[in-house]
């Protein structure tokens, strides 16, 4: 059996993806993306699930986007059901970058409400990219169930996802402003502010919303 130069390059790249040095893994992922080959897809997806370095993971995702959707999509749709949180999160992130709406059916309520914040945040970002026309309001209702969740970074991610859906989120946000939980009310008010004024900044919006909630207001008077 003849071993071609291409085979040798592929073997080196795969070996590089497993190197202990992140700089080597980064170069290997760049090389794979520069010269796409369907033989790499399984390895790229597998590596995404365990890669500890953010920049390498981002390059792995880029490399996957360089391959045919017909090859990457089925593999990623399997990965979003993985038991490993990082595998689910990175697969969702990659699906959002590919942007093929065939993946929409994989964005389940379970993923949108995943107990792992990174998985949930990736699911929110993917959902607003992949949601079919006419499904925005239903998605907004599910996303609104996560208002008040987590710390600032997680809340900011959710607000950005909701605002990206536009006016379809208005009824869900309005309902959340009367929720029993003050964290939910404040987060809903802050997101309303960002929807009206995208330049307001989340930090300012959430602090203003917390003051309103603490004073017993609903924020309606400021609208």
N, C-alpha and C. Protein backbone atom coordinates (compact mmCIF):
# COMPACT_ATOMS: atom_id res chain seq x y z
N UNK A 1 0.85 -1.19 0.00
CA UNK A 1 0.00 0.00 0.00
C UNK A 1 0.89 1.25 0.00
N UNK A 2 0.64 2.13 -0.96
CA UNK A 2 1.45 3.34 -1.09
C UNK A 2 0.98 4.41 -0.10
N UNK A 3 1.91 4.98 0.65
CA UNK A 3 1.60 6.07 1.56
C UNK A 3 1.92 7.39 0.86
N UNK A 4 0.92 8.20 0.65
CA UNK A 4 1.09 9.46 -0.06
C UNK A 4 1.56 10.56 0.89
N UNK A 5 2.01 11.64 0.29
CA UNK A 5 2.39 12.83 1.08
C UNK A 5 1.19 13.35 1.86
N UNK A 6 0.04 13.29 1.24
CA UNK A 6 -1.17 13.75 1.92
C UNK A 6 -1.46 12.90 3.16
N UNK A 7 -1.26 11.59 3.04
CA UNK A 7 -1.45 10.70 4.18
C UNK A 7 -0.49 11.04 5.32
N UNK A 8 0.75 11.33 4.96
CA UNK A 8 1.76 11.66 5.96
C UNK A 8 1.43 12.98 6.66
N UNK A 9 0.97 13.97 5.88
CA UNK A 9 0.59 15.25 6.46
C UNK A 9 -0.61 15.08 7.40
N UNK A 10 -1.55 14.24 6.99
CA UNK A 10 -2.74 13.99 7.83
C UNK A 10 -2.34 13.34 9.14
N UNK A 11 -1.43 12.39 9.07
CA UNK A 11 -0.97 11.70 10.28
C UNK A 11 -0.27 12.66 11.23
N UNK A 12 0.54 13.55 10.67
CA UNK A 12 1.24 14.54 11.50
C UNK A 12 0.25 15.50 12.17
N UNK A 13 -0.76 15.91 11.41
CA UNK A 13 -1.75 16.83 11.96
C UNK A 13 -2.53 16.19 13.10
N UNK A 14 -2.93 14.96 12.91
CA UNK A 14 -3.67 14.26 13.96
C UNK A 14 -2.81 14.08 15.20
N UNK A 15 -1.56 13.75 14.98
CA UNK A 15 -0.62 13.61 16.10
C UNK A 15 -0.47 14.97 16.82
N UNK A 16 -0.41 16.04 16.03
CA UNK A 16 -0.26 17.37 16.60
C UNK A 16 -1.45 17.78 17.46
N UNK A 17 -2.64 17.33 17.11
CA UNK A 17 -3.83 17.65 17.89
C UNK A 17 -3.79 17.05 19.29
N UNK A 18 -2.94 16.05 19.48
CA UNK A 18 -2.84 15.38 20.77
C UNK A 18 -1.58 15.77 21.55
N UNK A 19 -0.81 16.71 21.01
CA UNK A 19 0.43 17.13 21.66
C UNK A 19 0.14 17.79 23.02
N UNK A 20 1.07 17.64 23.94
CA UNK A 20 0.91 18.25 25.26
C UNK A 20 0.97 19.77 25.23
N UNK A 21 1.59 20.32 24.19
CA UNK A 21 1.76 21.77 24.09
C UNK A 21 0.60 22.40 23.32
N UNK A 22 -0.04 23.38 23.96
CA UNK A 22 -1.19 24.02 23.32
C UNK A 22 -0.81 24.72 22.02
N UNK A 23 0.41 25.26 21.94
CA UNK A 23 0.85 25.95 20.73
C UNK A 23 0.92 24.98 19.54
N UNK A 24 1.33 23.76 19.82
CA UNK A 24 1.40 22.74 18.76
C UNK A 24 0.00 22.33 18.34
N UNK A 25 -0.88 22.16 19.31
CA UNK A 25 -2.27 21.79 18.99
C UNK A 25 -2.94 22.89 18.18
N UNK A 26 -2.64 24.14 18.52
CA UNK A 26 -3.21 25.26 17.79
C UNK A 26 -2.78 25.25 16.33
N UNK A 27 -1.47 25.03 16.11
CA UNK A 27 -0.96 24.98 14.74
C UNK A 27 -1.55 23.79 13.98
N UNK A 28 -1.72 22.68 14.66
CA UNK A 28 -2.29 21.50 14.01
C UNK A 28 -3.74 21.76 13.58
N UNK A 29 -4.50 22.41 14.45
CA UNK A 29 -5.90 22.72 14.10
C UNK A 29 -5.95 23.70 12.93
N UNK A 30 -5.04 24.67 12.92
CA UNK A 30 -4.97 25.61 11.81
C UNK A 30 -4.65 24.88 10.51
N UNK A 31 -3.72 23.95 10.58
CA UNK A 31 -3.33 23.18 9.40
C UNK A 31 -4.50 22.36 8.87
N UNK A 32 -5.25 21.74 9.79
CA UNK A 32 -6.39 20.92 9.37
C UNK A 32 -7.45 21.78 8.70
N UNK A 33 -7.68 22.97 9.26
CA UNK A 33 -8.68 23.84 8.67
C UNK A 33 -8.25 24.42 7.34
N UNK A 34 -6.96 24.61 7.18
CA UNK A 34 -6.43 25.17 5.94
C UNK A 34 -6.53 24.19 4.78
N UNK A 35 -6.37 22.90 5.09
CA UNK A 35 -6.49 21.86 4.08
C UNK A 35 -7.51 20.83 4.55
N UNK A 36 -8.79 21.16 4.43
CA UNK A 36 -9.85 20.27 4.96
C UNK A 36 -9.81 18.88 4.34
N UNK A 37 -10.14 17.91 5.15
CA UNK A 37 -10.19 16.52 4.71
C UNK A 37 -11.22 15.83 5.60
N UNK A 38 -12.25 15.20 5.02
CA UNK A 38 -13.30 14.56 5.82
C UNK A 38 -12.76 13.56 6.85
N UNK A 39 -11.56 13.05 6.61
CA UNK A 39 -10.97 12.11 7.58
C UNK A 39 -10.68 12.76 8.92
N UNK A 40 -10.60 14.08 8.94
CA UNK A 40 -10.27 14.80 10.16
C UNK A 40 -11.48 15.04 11.07
N UNK A 41 -12.67 14.97 10.52
CA UNK A 41 -13.84 15.45 11.25
C UNK A 41 -14.05 14.75 12.58
N UNK A 42 -14.01 13.44 12.60
CA UNK A 42 -14.21 12.72 13.85
C UNK A 42 -13.18 13.13 14.90
N UNK A 43 -11.93 13.26 14.47
CA UNK A 43 -10.86 13.63 15.40
C UNK A 43 -11.07 15.05 15.93
N UNK A 44 -11.47 15.95 15.07
CA UNK A 44 -11.72 17.33 15.50
C UNK A 44 -12.83 17.39 16.54
N UNK A 45 -13.92 16.68 16.29
CA UNK A 45 -15.04 16.67 17.22
C UNK A 45 -14.63 16.03 18.54
N UNK A 46 -13.91 14.93 18.46
CA UNK A 46 -13.44 14.26 19.69
C UNK A 46 -12.53 15.19 20.50
N UNK A 47 -11.67 15.92 19.81
CA UNK A 47 -10.74 16.80 20.50
C UNK A 47 -11.47 17.98 21.16
N UNK A 48 -12.49 18.48 20.49
CA UNK A 48 -13.28 19.57 21.06
C UNK A 48 -13.82 19.21 22.45
N UNK A 49 -14.17 17.95 22.63
CA UNK A 49 -14.79 17.50 23.88
C UNK A 49 -13.84 17.49 25.06
N UNK A 50 -12.53 17.49 24.78
CA UNK A 50 -11.56 17.37 25.87
C UNK A 50 -10.51 18.48 25.87
N UNK A 51 -10.52 19.32 24.86
CA UNK A 51 -9.50 20.36 24.74
C UNK A 51 -9.65 21.41 25.85
N UNK A 52 -8.60 21.61 26.68
CA UNK A 52 -8.71 22.54 27.80
C UNK A 52 -8.46 24.01 27.44
N UNK A 53 -7.79 24.26 26.32
CA UNK A 53 -7.40 25.62 25.96
C UNK A 53 -8.47 26.29 25.09
N UNK A 54 -8.93 27.46 25.52
CA UNK A 54 -10.00 28.16 24.81
C UNK A 54 -9.62 28.46 23.35
N UNK A 55 -8.41 28.96 23.14
CA UNK A 55 -8.00 29.37 21.79
C UNK A 55 -7.88 28.16 20.86
N UNK A 56 -7.43 27.04 21.41
CA UNK A 56 -7.36 25.82 20.59
C UNK A 56 -8.77 25.35 20.25
N UNK A 57 -9.67 25.39 21.23
CA UNK A 57 -11.06 24.99 20.95
C UNK A 57 -11.66 25.84 19.85
N UNK A 58 -11.38 27.14 19.91
CA UNK A 58 -11.92 28.04 18.88
C UNK A 58 -11.36 27.70 17.50
N UNK A 59 -10.09 27.33 17.46
CA UNK A 59 -9.48 26.95 16.19
C UNK A 59 -10.04 25.60 15.70
N UNK A 60 -10.31 24.70 16.62
CA UNK A 60 -10.93 23.43 16.25
C UNK A 60 -12.30 23.67 15.63
N UNK A 61 -13.06 24.57 16.22
CA UNK A 61 -14.37 24.92 15.66
C UNK A 61 -14.22 25.51 14.27
N UNK A 62 -13.26 26.42 14.12
CA UNK A 62 -13.02 27.01 12.80
C UNK A 62 -12.68 25.92 11.78
N UNK A 63 -11.83 24.99 12.19
CA UNK A 63 -11.45 23.90 11.28
C UNK A 63 -12.67 23.09 10.86
N UNK A 64 -13.58 22.85 11.80
CA UNK A 64 -14.79 22.10 11.47
C UNK A 64 -15.67 22.86 10.48
N UNK A 65 -15.74 24.18 10.63
CA UNK A 65 -16.56 24.97 9.70
C UNK A 65 -16.01 24.95 8.29
N UNK A 66 -14.77 24.57 8.14
CA UNK A 66 -14.13 24.51 6.82
C UNK A 66 -14.46 23.21 6.08
N UNK A 67 -15.07 22.28 6.77
CA UNK A 67 -15.41 20.99 6.16
C UNK A 67 -16.86 21.00 5.68
N UNK A 68 -17.22 20.10 4.77
CA UNK A 68 -18.58 20.07 4.25
C UNK A 68 -19.61 19.83 5.35
N UNK A 69 -20.70 20.57 5.32
CA UNK A 69 -21.77 20.42 6.32
C UNK A 69 -22.32 18.99 6.30
N UNK A 70 -22.35 18.40 5.14
CA UNK A 70 -22.88 17.03 5.04
C UNK A 70 -22.07 16.04 5.87
N UNK A 71 -20.82 16.38 6.15
CA UNK A 71 -19.96 15.52 6.95
C UNK A 71 -19.99 15.92 8.43
N UNK A 72 -19.92 17.22 8.69
CA UNK A 72 -19.82 17.69 10.07
C UNK A 72 -21.15 17.63 10.82
N UNK A 73 -22.24 17.96 10.15
CA UNK A 73 -23.51 18.09 10.85
C UNK A 73 -23.97 16.82 11.54
N UNK A 74 -23.98 15.66 10.87
CA UNK A 74 -24.42 14.45 11.57
C UNK A 74 -23.58 14.14 12.81
N UNK A 75 -22.27 14.38 12.71
CA UNK A 75 -21.39 14.09 13.84
C UNK A 75 -21.66 15.03 15.01
N UNK A 76 -21.90 16.30 14.71
CA UNK A 76 -22.17 17.29 15.76
C UNK A 76 -23.53 17.05 16.42
N UNK A 77 -24.50 16.61 15.63
CA UNK A 77 -25.82 16.33 16.18
C UNK A 77 -25.79 15.18 17.17
N UNK A 78 -24.88 14.25 16.95
CA UNK A 78 -24.67 13.19 17.95
C UNK A 78 -24.00 13.74 19.20
N UNK A 79 -23.06 14.65 19.00
CA UNK A 79 -22.26 15.16 20.10
C UNK A 79 -23.07 16.01 21.09
N UNK A 80 -24.11 16.68 20.63
CA UNK A 80 -24.90 17.51 21.55
C UNK A 80 -25.65 16.65 22.56
N UNK A 81 -25.69 15.35 22.35
CA UNK A 81 -26.33 14.44 23.31
C UNK A 81 -25.31 13.74 24.20
N UNK A 82 -24.06 14.16 24.11
CA UNK A 82 -23.00 13.55 24.91
C UNK A 82 -23.25 13.74 26.41
N UNK A 83 -22.72 12.82 27.21
CA UNK A 83 -22.81 12.96 28.66
C UNK A 83 -21.81 13.99 29.18
N UNK A 84 -20.81 14.35 28.37
CA UNK A 84 -19.78 15.31 28.79
C UNK A 84 -20.23 16.73 28.46
N UNK A 85 -20.23 17.59 29.48
CA UNK A 85 -20.71 18.96 29.30
C UNK A 85 -19.90 19.71 28.25
N UNK A 86 -18.58 19.59 28.28
CA UNK A 86 -17.76 20.31 27.31
C UNK A 86 -18.06 19.85 25.88
N UNK A 87 -18.32 18.58 25.72
CA UNK A 87 -18.65 18.07 24.38
C UNK A 87 -19.94 18.71 23.88
N UNK A 88 -20.95 18.76 24.75
CA UNK A 88 -22.22 19.38 24.35
C UNK A 88 -22.03 20.86 24.04
N UNK A 89 -21.33 21.54 24.93
CA UNK A 89 -21.13 22.98 24.77
C UNK A 89 -20.40 23.31 23.48
N UNK A 90 -19.31 22.61 23.21
CA UNK A 90 -18.52 22.93 22.01
C UNK A 90 -19.24 22.53 20.73
N UNK A 91 -19.99 21.44 20.77
CA UNK A 91 -20.76 21.04 19.59
C UNK A 91 -21.82 22.09 19.28
N UNK A 92 -22.48 22.60 20.31
CA UNK A 92 -23.48 23.65 20.12
C UNK A 92 -22.83 24.93 19.57
N UNK A 93 -21.68 25.27 20.13
CA UNK A 93 -20.95 26.45 19.65
C UNK A 93 -20.61 26.30 18.17
N UNK A 94 -20.17 25.12 17.79
CA UNK A 94 -19.80 24.89 16.38
C UNK A 94 -21.02 24.94 15.48
N UNK A 95 -22.14 24.40 15.95
CA UNK A 95 -23.38 24.46 15.16
C UNK A 95 -23.81 25.91 14.94
N UNK A 96 -23.61 26.76 15.95
CA UNK A 96 -23.97 28.17 15.78
C UNK A 96 -23.07 28.84 14.76
N UNK A 97 -21.81 28.42 14.67
CA UNK A 97 -20.89 29.00 13.70
C UNK A 97 -21.18 28.49 12.28
N UNK A 98 -21.59 27.24 12.18
CA UNK A 98 -21.95 26.69 10.86
C UNK A 98 -23.24 27.34 10.36
N UNK A 99 -24.20 27.48 11.26
CA UNK A 99 -25.43 28.21 10.94
C UNK A 99 -26.41 27.50 10.04
N UNK A 100 -26.31 26.19 9.92
CA UNK A 100 -27.24 25.44 9.07
C UNK A 100 -28.50 25.10 9.88
N UNK A 101 -29.64 25.56 9.40
CA UNK A 101 -30.88 25.41 10.17
C UNK A 101 -31.40 23.98 10.23
N UNK A 102 -30.77 23.08 9.52
CA UNK A 102 -31.12 21.67 9.70
C UNK A 102 -30.85 21.22 11.15
N UNK A 103 -29.99 21.97 11.84
CA UNK A 103 -29.62 21.60 13.21
C UNK A 103 -30.65 22.06 14.24
N UNK A 104 -31.64 22.81 13.82
CA UNK A 104 -32.60 23.39 14.77
C UNK A 104 -33.25 22.34 15.66
N UNK A 105 -33.62 21.21 15.08
CA UNK A 105 -34.33 20.20 15.86
C UNK A 105 -33.48 19.62 17.00
N UNK A 106 -32.17 19.82 16.92
CA UNK A 106 -31.29 19.33 17.99
C UNK A 106 -31.26 20.26 19.19
N UNK A 107 -31.77 21.50 19.02
CA UNK A 107 -31.75 22.47 20.11
C UNK A 107 -32.98 22.24 20.97
N UNK A 108 -32.87 21.30 21.87
CA UNK A 108 -34.00 20.87 22.68
C UNK A 108 -34.16 21.75 23.93
N UNK A 109 -35.32 21.65 24.53
CA UNK A 109 -35.55 22.36 25.80
C UNK A 109 -34.55 21.91 26.85
N UNK A 110 -34.20 20.62 26.82
CA UNK A 110 -33.23 20.10 27.80
C UNK A 110 -31.89 20.82 27.67
N UNK A 111 -31.46 21.12 26.45
CA UNK A 111 -30.20 21.84 26.25
C UNK A 111 -30.34 23.30 26.65
N UNK A 112 -31.47 23.91 26.32
CA UNK A 112 -31.69 25.31 26.65
C UNK A 112 -31.79 25.56 28.15
N UNK A 113 -32.08 24.49 28.89
CA UNK A 113 -32.18 24.59 30.35
C UNK A 113 -31.14 23.71 31.04
N UNK A 114 -30.10 23.34 30.31
CA UNK A 114 -29.06 22.45 30.84
C UNK A 114 -28.51 22.99 32.18
N UNK A 115 -28.24 22.08 33.10
CA UNK A 115 -27.74 22.48 34.42
C UNK A 115 -26.36 23.11 34.34
N UNK A 116 -25.59 22.79 33.32
CA UNK A 116 -24.26 23.37 33.14
C UNK A 116 -24.40 24.72 32.43
N UNK A 117 -23.89 25.77 33.06
CA UNK A 117 -24.05 27.11 32.49
C UNK A 117 -23.43 27.25 31.11
N UNK A 118 -22.25 26.66 30.90
CA UNK A 118 -21.60 26.77 29.59
C UNK A 118 -22.42 26.10 28.50
N UNK A 119 -23.01 24.96 28.81
CA UNK A 119 -23.85 24.28 27.83
C UNK A 119 -25.08 25.12 27.52
N UNK A 120 -25.72 25.61 28.57
CA UNK A 120 -26.93 26.43 28.36
C UNK A 120 -26.62 27.67 27.54
N UNK A 121 -25.53 28.34 27.87
CA UNK A 121 -25.16 29.56 27.14
C UNK A 121 -24.89 29.25 25.66
N UNK A 122 -24.21 28.14 25.40
CA UNK A 122 -23.96 27.76 24.00
C UNK A 122 -25.27 27.43 23.29
N UNK A 123 -26.18 26.79 24.01
CA UNK A 123 -27.49 26.46 23.43
C UNK A 123 -28.28 27.72 23.11
N UNK A 124 -28.22 28.71 24.00
CA UNK A 124 -28.94 29.97 23.74
C UNK A 124 -28.41 30.65 22.49
N UNK A 125 -27.08 30.71 22.38
CA UNK A 125 -26.48 31.36 21.21
C UNK A 125 -26.83 30.61 19.92
N UNK A 126 -26.77 29.28 19.98
CA UNK A 126 -27.10 28.49 18.80
C UNK A 126 -28.57 28.65 18.43
N UNK A 127 -29.42 28.68 19.43
CA UNK A 127 -30.86 28.75 19.18
C UNK A 127 -31.25 30.01 18.42
N UNK A 128 -30.70 31.16 18.81
CA UNK A 128 -31.11 32.41 18.15
C UNK A 128 -30.55 32.50 16.73
N UNK A 129 -29.49 31.75 16.44
CA UNK A 129 -28.96 31.70 15.08
C UNK A 129 -29.79 30.76 14.21
N UNK A 130 -30.24 29.65 14.79
CA UNK A 130 -30.86 28.59 14.01
C UNK A 130 -32.39 28.62 14.00
N UNK A 131 -33.01 29.40 14.87
CA UNK A 131 -34.47 29.38 14.98
C UNK A 131 -35.14 29.71 13.65
N UNK A 132 -36.10 28.88 13.22
CA UNK A 132 -36.81 29.16 11.96
C UNK A 132 -37.74 30.36 12.12
N UNK A 133 -38.02 31.01 11.02
CA UNK A 133 -38.94 32.14 11.04
C UNK A 133 -40.30 31.68 11.56
N UNK A 134 -40.84 32.43 12.50
CA UNK A 134 -42.14 32.09 13.08
C UNK A 134 -42.04 31.34 14.40
N UNK A 135 -40.84 30.87 14.74
CA UNK A 135 -40.66 30.13 15.99
C UNK A 135 -40.04 30.99 17.09
N UNK A 136 -39.82 32.27 16.81
CA UNK A 136 -39.12 33.12 17.76
C UNK A 136 -39.87 33.27 19.08
N UNK A 137 -41.18 33.43 19.04
CA UNK A 137 -41.95 33.63 20.27
C UNK A 137 -41.90 32.40 21.17
N UNK A 138 -42.01 31.23 20.56
CA UNK A 138 -41.95 29.99 21.35
C UNK A 138 -40.57 29.83 21.98
N UNK A 139 -39.53 30.17 21.24
CA UNK A 139 -38.18 30.11 21.79
C UNK A 139 -38.04 31.10 22.93
N UNK A 140 -38.57 32.30 22.76
CA UNK A 140 -38.49 33.32 23.80
C UNK A 140 -39.13 32.84 25.10
N UNK A 141 -40.24 32.14 25.00
CA UNK A 141 -40.92 31.64 26.19
C UNK A 141 -40.05 30.65 26.96
N UNK A 142 -39.32 29.81 26.23
CA UNK A 142 -38.42 28.85 26.90
C UNK A 142 -37.23 29.60 27.52
N UNK A 143 -36.64 30.51 26.76
CA UNK A 143 -35.50 31.25 27.27
C UNK A 143 -35.87 32.06 28.50
N UNK A 144 -37.09 32.58 28.53
CA UNK A 144 -37.53 33.40 29.67
C UNK A 144 -37.59 32.60 30.97
N UNK A 145 -37.69 31.29 30.87
CA UNK A 145 -37.70 30.46 32.09
C UNK A 145 -36.33 30.47 32.76
N UNK A 146 -35.30 30.95 32.07
CA UNK A 146 -33.95 30.97 32.61
C UNK A 146 -33.57 32.35 33.18
N UNK A 147 -34.46 33.31 33.11
CA UNK A 147 -34.19 34.64 33.66
C UNK A 147 -33.87 34.54 35.15
N UNK A 148 -32.86 35.29 35.56
CA UNK A 148 -32.44 35.28 36.96
C UNK A 148 -31.42 34.21 37.27
N UNK A 149 -31.09 33.40 36.28
CA UNK A 149 -30.16 32.29 36.49
C UNK A 149 -28.71 32.76 36.52
N UNK A 150 -27.93 32.19 37.43
CA UNK A 150 -26.48 32.33 37.40
C UNK A 150 -25.96 33.71 37.77
N UNK A 151 -24.67 33.88 37.49
CA UNK A 151 -24.00 35.14 37.78
C UNK A 151 -24.07 36.07 36.57
N UNK A 152 -23.36 37.20 36.66
CA UNK A 152 -23.48 38.26 35.66
C UNK A 152 -23.23 37.77 34.24
N UNK A 153 -22.17 36.98 34.05
CA UNK A 153 -21.81 36.55 32.70
C UNK A 153 -22.91 35.71 32.07
N UNK A 154 -23.50 34.81 32.87
CA UNK A 154 -24.58 33.97 32.37
C UNK A 154 -25.81 34.81 32.06
N UNK A 155 -26.12 35.75 32.95
CA UNK A 155 -27.29 36.61 32.72
C UNK A 155 -27.10 37.49 31.49
N UNK A 156 -25.89 37.98 31.30
CA UNK A 156 -25.61 38.78 30.10
C UNK A 156 -25.81 37.95 28.84
N UNK A 157 -25.33 36.71 28.84
CA UNK A 157 -25.50 35.83 27.67
C UNK A 157 -26.97 35.63 27.34
N UNK A 158 -27.78 35.42 28.39
CA UNK A 158 -29.21 35.20 28.16
C UNK A 158 -29.87 36.47 27.63
N UNK A 159 -29.53 37.61 28.21
CA UNK A 159 -30.12 38.87 27.73
C UNK A 159 -29.76 39.11 26.27
N UNK A 160 -28.51 38.85 25.90
CA UNK A 160 -28.11 39.03 24.51
C UNK A 160 -28.89 38.12 23.58
N UNK A 161 -29.10 36.88 24.00
CA UNK A 161 -29.85 35.93 23.18
C UNK A 161 -31.30 36.40 23.02
N UNK A 162 -31.90 36.85 24.12
CA UNK A 162 -33.28 37.31 24.05
C UNK A 162 -33.41 38.55 23.17
N UNK A 163 -32.52 39.51 23.35
CA UNK A 163 -32.58 40.74 22.55
C UNK A 163 -32.41 40.43 21.07
N UNK A 164 -31.61 39.42 20.75
CA UNK A 164 -31.40 39.04 19.35
C UNK A 164 -32.68 38.56 18.68
N UNK A 165 -33.66 38.14 19.49
CA UNK A 165 -34.94 37.69 18.93
C UNK A 165 -35.87 38.86 18.63
N UNK A 166 -35.51 40.06 19.07
CA UNK A 166 -36.31 41.24 18.77
C UNK A 166 -37.61 41.30 19.56
N UNK A 167 -38.63 41.91 18.95
CA UNK A 167 -39.88 42.17 19.65
C UNK A 167 -40.64 40.90 20.02
N UNK A 168 -40.23 39.76 19.46
CA UNK A 168 -40.90 38.49 19.80
C UNK A 168 -40.77 38.17 21.29
N UNK A 169 -39.80 38.77 21.96
CA UNK A 169 -39.58 38.45 23.37
C UNK A 169 -40.45 39.30 24.30
N UNK A 170 -41.11 40.33 23.77
CA UNK A 170 -41.82 41.28 24.63
C UNK A 170 -42.84 40.63 25.57
N UNK A 171 -43.73 39.76 25.10
CA UNK A 171 -44.71 39.17 26.02
C UNK A 171 -44.05 38.34 27.14
N UNK A 172 -43.03 37.58 26.80
CA UNK A 172 -42.36 36.75 27.80
C UNK A 172 -41.66 37.62 28.84
N UNK A 173 -41.03 38.69 28.40
CA UNK A 173 -40.36 39.59 29.33
C UNK A 173 -41.38 40.30 30.22
N UNK A 174 -42.47 40.74 29.65
CA UNK A 174 -43.50 41.43 30.42
C UNK A 174 -44.02 40.53 31.54
N UNK A 175 -44.27 39.26 31.20
CA UNK A 175 -44.75 38.32 32.22
C UNK A 175 -43.73 38.13 33.33
N UNK A 176 -42.45 38.10 32.95
CA UNK A 176 -41.39 37.86 33.93
C UNK A 176 -41.19 39.04 34.88
N UNK A 177 -41.63 40.23 34.49
CA UNK A 177 -41.46 41.40 35.37
C UNK A 177 -42.35 41.33 36.60
N UNK A 178 -43.29 40.39 36.62
CA UNK A 178 -44.15 40.22 37.80
C UNK A 178 -43.89 38.88 38.50
N UNK A 179 -42.78 38.24 38.17
CA UNK A 179 -42.44 36.96 38.79
C UNK A 179 -42.19 37.13 40.29
N UNK A 180 -42.43 36.09 41.09
CA UNK A 180 -42.20 36.19 42.54
C UNK A 180 -40.73 36.42 42.90
N UNK A 181 -39.81 35.89 42.10
CA UNK A 181 -38.39 35.97 42.40
C UNK A 181 -37.84 37.34 41.97
N UNK A 182 -37.29 38.12 42.90
CA UNK A 182 -36.77 39.44 42.53
C UNK A 182 -35.62 39.38 41.53
N UNK A 183 -34.84 38.30 41.53
CA UNK A 183 -33.76 38.16 40.55
C UNK A 183 -34.33 38.03 39.14
N UNK A 184 -35.43 37.30 39.02
CA UNK A 184 -36.08 37.15 37.72
C UNK A 184 -36.65 38.48 37.26
N UNK A 185 -37.30 39.19 38.17
CA UNK A 185 -37.88 40.49 37.80
C UNK A 185 -36.80 41.46 37.35
N UNK A 186 -35.71 41.53 38.11
CA UNK A 186 -34.63 42.45 37.76
C UNK A 186 -34.01 42.10 36.42
N UNK A 187 -33.79 40.81 36.18
CA UNK A 187 -33.18 40.38 34.92
C UNK A 187 -34.12 40.70 33.74
N UNK A 188 -35.41 40.50 33.95
CA UNK A 188 -36.38 40.81 32.89
C UNK A 188 -36.39 42.30 32.59
N UNK A 189 -36.38 43.13 33.65
CA UNK A 189 -36.37 44.58 33.45
C UNK A 189 -35.10 45.04 32.73
N UNK A 190 -33.96 44.47 33.13
CA UNK A 190 -32.69 44.83 32.48
C UNK A 190 -32.72 44.45 31.00
N UNK A 191 -33.30 43.31 30.69
CA UNK A 191 -33.37 42.86 29.29
C UNK A 191 -34.32 43.74 28.50
N UNK A 192 -35.43 44.15 29.13
CA UNK A 192 -36.32 45.11 28.47
C UNK A 192 -35.58 46.40 28.13
N UNK A 193 -34.76 46.87 29.06
CA UNK A 193 -34.01 48.10 28.84
C UNK A 193 -33.07 47.94 27.64
N UNK A 194 -32.40 46.78 27.58
CA UNK A 194 -31.47 46.54 26.47
C UNK A 194 -32.21 46.41 25.13
N UNK A 195 -33.42 45.88 25.18
CA UNK A 195 -34.21 45.77 23.95
C UNK A 195 -34.57 47.16 23.43
N UNK A 196 -34.92 48.07 24.36
CA UNK A 196 -35.26 49.44 23.97
C UNK A 196 -34.03 50.25 23.60
N UNK A 197 -32.93 50.00 24.34
CA UNK A 197 -31.72 50.80 24.16
C UNK A 197 -30.49 49.89 24.19
N UNK A 198 -30.12 49.31 23.03
CA UNK A 198 -29.00 48.36 22.98
C UNK A 198 -27.67 48.94 23.45
N UNK A 199 -27.56 50.27 23.44
CA UNK A 199 -26.31 50.90 23.84
C UNK A 199 -26.22 51.15 25.35
N UNK A 200 -27.25 50.78 26.09
CA UNK A 200 -27.29 51.08 27.52
C UNK A 200 -26.19 50.37 28.29
N UNK A 201 -25.85 49.15 27.88
CA UNK A 201 -24.86 48.36 28.61
C UNK A 201 -25.53 47.53 29.69
N UNK A 202 -25.15 46.26 29.79
CA UNK A 202 -25.83 45.36 30.71
C UNK A 202 -25.59 45.75 32.16
N UNK A 203 -24.36 46.16 32.48
CA UNK A 203 -24.06 46.52 33.86
C UNK A 203 -24.97 47.62 34.37
N UNK A 204 -25.11 48.67 33.57
CA UNK A 204 -26.00 49.78 33.94
C UNK A 204 -27.44 49.30 34.02
N UNK A 205 -27.87 48.52 33.03
CA UNK A 205 -29.27 48.08 32.98
C UNK A 205 -29.64 47.21 34.17
N UNK A 206 -28.76 46.30 34.56
CA UNK A 206 -29.10 45.39 35.66
C UNK A 206 -29.09 46.12 37.00
N UNK A 207 -28.17 47.05 37.18
CA UNK A 207 -28.15 47.81 38.44
C UNK A 207 -29.39 48.68 38.55
N UNK A 208 -29.77 49.31 37.46
CA UNK A 208 -30.99 50.12 37.46
C UNK A 208 -32.20 49.25 37.76
N UNK A 209 -32.26 48.08 37.15
CA UNK A 209 -33.38 47.17 37.37
C UNK A 209 -33.45 46.69 38.82
N UNK A 210 -32.31 46.42 39.41
CA UNK A 210 -32.29 45.99 40.81
C UNK A 210 -32.80 47.07 41.74
N UNK A 211 -32.45 48.32 41.44
CA UNK A 211 -32.95 49.43 42.25
C UNK A 211 -34.47 49.54 42.14
N UNK A 212 -34.98 49.38 40.92
CA UNK A 212 -36.42 49.45 40.71
C UNK A 212 -37.13 48.35 41.49
N UNK A 213 -36.59 47.14 41.42
CA UNK A 213 -37.19 46.01 42.12
C UNK A 213 -37.13 46.21 43.63
N UNK A 214 -35.99 46.70 44.12
CA UNK A 214 -35.84 46.94 45.56
C UNK A 214 -36.83 47.97 46.08
N UNK A 215 -37.18 48.92 45.20
CA UNK A 215 -38.14 49.97 45.59
C UNK A 215 -39.59 49.53 45.36
N UNK A 216 -39.75 48.31 44.88
CA UNK A 216 -41.10 47.79 44.69
C UNK A 216 -41.74 48.16 43.39
N UNK A 217 -40.96 48.69 42.44
CA UNK A 217 -41.50 49.10 41.15
C UNK A 217 -41.47 47.98 40.13
N UNK A 218 -42.18 48.20 39.03
CA UNK A 218 -42.23 47.22 37.94
C UNK A 218 -41.45 47.68 36.72
N UNK A 219 -41.08 48.98 36.76
CA UNK A 219 -40.38 49.51 35.59
C UNK A 219 -41.30 50.01 34.52
N UNK A 220 -42.61 49.76 34.67
CA UNK A 220 -43.55 50.18 33.64
C UNK A 220 -43.58 51.70 33.47
N UNK A 221 -43.37 52.42 34.61
CA UNK A 221 -43.46 53.86 34.52
C UNK A 221 -42.35 54.46 33.67
N UNK A 222 -41.24 53.70 33.49
CA UNK A 222 -40.14 54.23 32.70
C UNK A 222 -40.23 53.89 31.23
N UNK A 223 -41.27 53.15 30.86
CA UNK A 223 -41.38 52.72 29.47
C UNK A 223 -42.20 53.70 28.66
